[in-house]
Amino acid sequence: MFEDFSRGYYLGRMYVEPHEADSPVMQDEEFEKVRNDIYGDEKAYDAKKPLVVKIGKQHLVVDGDEGVPTGTLGVPRHVAEGLRIRNPPSVEDVLIAKKGHATRILSLIGFGDGREPS
């Protein structure tokens, strides 16, 4: 689903659509699989840490949600408007930050202490 893109990111394509959630979300099982594939063993990476994705120039902190279709990134309506995402959903390039890069981004936005997982 995602392939190596650069030192800091993997590249994939997903439907991106406005969603009623308070924060960006992916289908729960898909979220866990992608997080495990990208960040490695869940026990080695804080299970509460979300995925960090980038669409255009904006980083989004993504969590899992059972109510989102597979292959879809649901973003709050106000975020979708800023990204010029409309309904029906469109397929967009989505970058997922690699573990070290995600840790740095999360620390910059004040999520946790930003320590690299051991």
C-alpha atoms as a PDB file:
ATOM      1  CA  MET A   1       0.000   0.000   0.000  1.00  0.00           C
ATOM      2  CA  PHE A   2       2.894   2.373   0.798  1.00  0.00           C
ATOM      3  CA  GLU A   3       6.327   2.364  -0.790  1.00  0.00           C
ATOM      4  CA  ASP A   4       9.624   3.910   0.179  1.00  0.00           C
ATOM      5  CA  PHE A   5       9.712   7.520  -1.054  1.00  0.00           C
ATOM      6  CA  SER A   6      12.486   9.409   0.736  1.00  0.00           C
ATOM      7  CA  ARG A   7      14.564   9.369   3.919  1.00  0.00           C
ATOM      8  CA  GLY A   8      11.587  10.687   5.877  1.00  0.00           C
ATOM      9  CA  TYR A   9       8.488   9.311   4.140  1.00  0.00           C
ATOM     10  CA  TYR A  10       6.647   6.456   2.521  1.00  0.00           C
ATOM     11  CA  LEU A  11       4.281   7.253  -0.370  1.00  0.00           C
ATOM     12  CA  GLY A  12       0.831   5.844  -0.906  1.00  0.00           C
ATOM     13  CA  ARG A  13      -2.486   6.763  -2.460  1.00  0.00           C
ATOM     14  CA  MET A  14      -5.713   6.868  -0.514  1.00  0.00           C
ATOM     15  CA  TYR A  15      -9.171   8.280  -0.850  1.00  0.00           C
ATOM     16  CA  VAL A  16      -9.274  11.464   1.202  1.00  0.00           C
ATOM     17  CA  GLU A  17     -12.708  12.669   2.240  1.00  0.00           C
ATOM     18  CA  PRO A  18     -14.360  15.022   4.700  1.00  0.00           C
ATOM     19  CA  HIS A  19     -15.352  13.188   7.879  1.00  0.00           C
ATOM     20  CA  GLU A  20     -17.241  14.024  11.063  1.00  0.00           C
ATOM     21  CA  ALA A  21     -14.355  13.001  13.343  1.00  0.00           C
ATOM     22  CA  ASP A  22     -12.516  15.589  15.457  1.00  0.00           C
ATOM     23  CA  SER A  23      -9.173  14.516  14.002  1.00  0.00           C
ATOM     24  CA  PRO A  24      -7.964  12.687  10.865  1.00  0.00           C
ATOM     25  CA  VAL A  25      -8.769   8.947  10.926  1.00  0.00           C
ATOM     26  CA  MET A  26      -8.272   5.714   8.979  1.00  0.00           C
ATOM     27  CA  GLN A  27     -10.166   2.446   9.253  1.00  0.00           C
ATOM     28  CA  ASP A  28      -9.072   0.934  12.586  1.00  0.00           C
ATOM     29  CA  GLU A  29      -7.656  -2.425  11.389  1.00  0.00           C
ATOM     30  CA  GLU A  30      -5.928  -0.770   8.434  1.00  0.00           C
ATOM     31  CA  PHE A  31      -4.482   1.881  10.760  1.00  0.00           C
ATOM     32  CA  GLU A  32      -3.007  -0.810  13.047  1.00  0.00           C
ATOM     33  CA  LYS A  33      -1.580  -2.751  10.087  1.00  0.00           C
ATOM     34  CA  VAL A  34      -0.009   0.317   8.465  1.00  0.00           C
ATOM     35  CA  ARG A  35       1.389   1.535  11.784  1.00  0.00           C
ATOM     36  CA  ASN A  36       2.867  -1.905  12.489  1.00  0.00           C
ATOM     37  CA  ASP A  37       4.289  -2.218   8.937  1.00  0.00           C
ATOM     38  CA  ILE A  38       5.870   1.239   9.030  1.00  0.00           C
ATOM     39  CA  TYR A  39       6.870   1.616  12.678  1.00  0.00           C
ATOM     40  CA  GLY A  40       7.680  -2.022  13.350  1.00  0.00           C
ATOM     41  CA  ASP A  41       6.719  -4.079  16.358  1.00  0.00           C
ATOM     42  CA  GLU A  42       3.889  -2.324  18.200  1.00  0.00           C
ATOM     43  CA  LYS A  43       5.583  -3.051  21.535  1.00  0.00           C
ATOM     44  CA  ALA A  44       8.703  -1.173  20.421  1.00  0.00           C
ATOM     45  CA  TYR A  45       6.697   1.886  19.401  1.00  0.00           C
ATOM     46  CA  ASP A  46       4.311   3.491  21.872  1.00  0.00           C
ATOM     47  CA  ALA A  47       0.936   1.974  20.956  1.00  0.00           C
ATOM     48  CA  LYS A  48      -0.713   5.322  21.688  1.00  0.00           C
ATOM     49  CA  LYS A  49       1.312   7.196  19.079  1.00  0.00           C
ATOM     50  CA  PRO A  50      -0.585   7.894  15.875  1.00  0.00           C
ATOM     51  CA  LEU A  51       0.546   7.881  12.276  1.00  0.00           C
ATOM     52  CA  VAL A  52       1.849  11.165  10.930  1.00  0.00           C
ATOM     53  CA  VAL A  53       0.799  11.810   7.339  1.00  0.00           C
ATOM     54  CA  LYS A  54       1.451  14.663   4.984  1.00  0.00           C
ATOM     55  CA  ILE A  55      -0.949  15.820   2.301  1.00  0.00           C
ATOM     56  CA  GLY A  56       0.311  18.720   0.234  1.00  0.00           C
ATOM     57  CA  LYS A  57       2.215  20.876   2.705  1.00  0.00           C
ATOM     58  CA  GLN A  58       0.177  19.947   5.783  1.00  0.00           C
ATOM     59  CA  HIS A  59       1.067  17.295   8.375  1.00  0.00           C
ATOM     60  CA  LEU A  60      -1.845  15.466   9.977  1.00  0.00           C
ATOM     61  CA  VAL A  61      -1.842  13.272  13.071  1.00  0.00           C
ATOM     62  CA  VAL A  62      -3.993  10.218  12.247  1.00  0.00           C
ATOM     63  CA  ASP A  63      -5.681   7.687  14.497  1.00  0.00           C
ATOM     64  CA  GLY A  64      -7.879   4.644  13.888  1.00  0.00           C
ATOM     65  CA  ASP A  65     -11.684   4.627  13.661  1.00  0.00           C
ATOM     66  CA  GLU A  66     -13.990   1.711  12.869  1.00  0.00           C
ATOM     67  CA  GLY A  67     -16.376   3.927  10.895  1.00  0.00           C
ATOM     68  CA  VAL A  68     -13.989   4.791   8.054  1.00  0.00           C
ATOM     69  CA  PRO A  69     -13.945   2.701   4.853  1.00  0.00           C
ATOM     70  CA  THR A  70     -10.752   0.784   4.027  1.00  0.00           C
ATOM     71  CA  GLY A  71      -8.335   2.755   1.856  1.00  0.00           C
ATOM     72  CA  THR A  72      -9.750   6.066   3.052  1.00  0.00           C
ATOM     73  CA  LEU A  73      -8.365   8.895   5.143  1.00  0.00           C
ATOM     74  CA  GLY A  74     -11.183  10.821   6.785  1.00  0.00           C
ATOM     75  CA  VAL A  75     -10.312  14.396   7.697  1.00  0.00           C
ATOM     76  CA  PRO A  76     -12.414  16.865   9.706  1.00  0.00           C
ATOM     77  CA  ARG A  77     -14.419  19.172   7.471  1.00  0.00           C
ATOM     78  CA  HIS A  78     -12.426  22.293   8.411  1.00  0.00           C
ATOM     79  CA  VAL A  79      -9.183  20.468   7.524  1.00  0.00           C
ATOM     80  CA  ALA A  80     -10.684  19.146   4.278  1.00  0.00           C
ATOM     81  CA  GLU A  81     -11.622  22.682   3.267  1.00  0.00           C
ATOM     82  CA  GLY A  82      -8.040  23.847   3.853  1.00  0.00           C
ATOM     83  CA  LEU A  83      -6.760  20.962   1.726  1.00  0.00           C
ATOM     84  CA  ARG A  84      -9.443  21.634  -0.905  1.00  0.00           C
ATOM     85  CA  ILE A  85     -10.851  18.134  -0.434  1.00  0.00           C
ATOM     86  CA  ARG A  86     -14.474  17.730  -1.421  1.00  0.00           C
ATOM     87  CA  ASN A  87     -17.032  14.958  -1.353  1.00  0.00           C
ATOM     88  CA  PRO A  88     -17.137  12.628  -3.266  1.00  0.00           C
ATOM     89  CA  PRO A  89     -13.668  11.562  -2.157  1.00  0.00           C
ATOM     90  CA  SER A  90     -10.704  11.806  -4.455  1.00  0.00           C
ATOM     91  CA  VAL A  91      -7.584   9.670  -4.571  1.00  0.00           C
ATOM     92  CA  GLU A  92      -4.639  11.672  -3.254  1.00  0.00           C
ATOM     93  CA  ASP A  93      -0.927  11.118  -2.739  1.00  0.00           C
ATOM     94  CA  VAL A  94      -0.388  10.592   0.989  1.00  0.00           C
ATOM     95  CA  LEU A  95       3.027  10.614   2.616  1.00  0.00           C
ATOM     96  CA  ILE A  96       3.453   8.718   5.891  1.00  0.00           C
ATOM     97  CA  ALA A  97       6.357   9.831   8.030  1.00  0.00           C
ATOM     98  CA  LYS A  98       8.904   7.161   8.918  1.00  0.00           C
ATOM     99  CA  LYS A  99       9.442   6.416  12.617  1.00  0.00           C
ATOM    100  CA  GLY A 100      12.263   8.876  13.370  1.00  0.00           C
ATOM    101  CA  HIS A 101      10.699  11.658  11.318  1.00  0.00           C
ATOM    102  CA  ALA A 102       7.277  11.049  12.903  1.00  0.00           C
ATOM    103  CA  THR A 103       8.810  11.243  16.374  1.00  0.00           C
ATOM    104  CA  ARG A 104      10.385  14.630  15.549  1.00  0.00           C
ATOM    105  CA  ILE A 105       7.157  15.998  14.082  1.00  0.00           C
ATOM    106  CA  LEU A 106       5.114  14.814  17.076  1.00  0.00           C
ATOM    107  CA  SER A 107       7.564  16.449  19.477  1.00  0.00           C
ATOM    108  CA  LEU A 108       7.371  19.733  17.539  1.00  0.00           C
ATOM    109  CA  ILE A 109       3.594  19.815  17.829  1.00  0.00           C
ATOM    110  CA  GLY A 110       3.685  18.860  21.498  1.00  0.00           C
ATOM    111  CA  PHE A 111       2.529  15.245  21.248  1.00  0.00           C
ATOM    112  CA  GLY A 112       4.294  13.264  23.992  1.00  0.00           C
ATOM    113  CA  ASP A 113       7.941  13.840  24.754  1.00  0.00           C
ATOM    114  CA  GLY A 114       9.200  13.050  21.246  1.00  0.00           C
ATOM    115  CA  ARG A 115      11.661  10.403  22.440  1.00  0.00           C
ATOM    116  CA  GLU A 116      12.687   7.830  19.867  1.00  0.00           C
ATOM    117  CA  PRO A 117      11.235   4.450  20.820  1.00  0.00           C
ATOM    118  CA  SER A 118      13.775   1.907  22.034  1.00  0.00           C
END
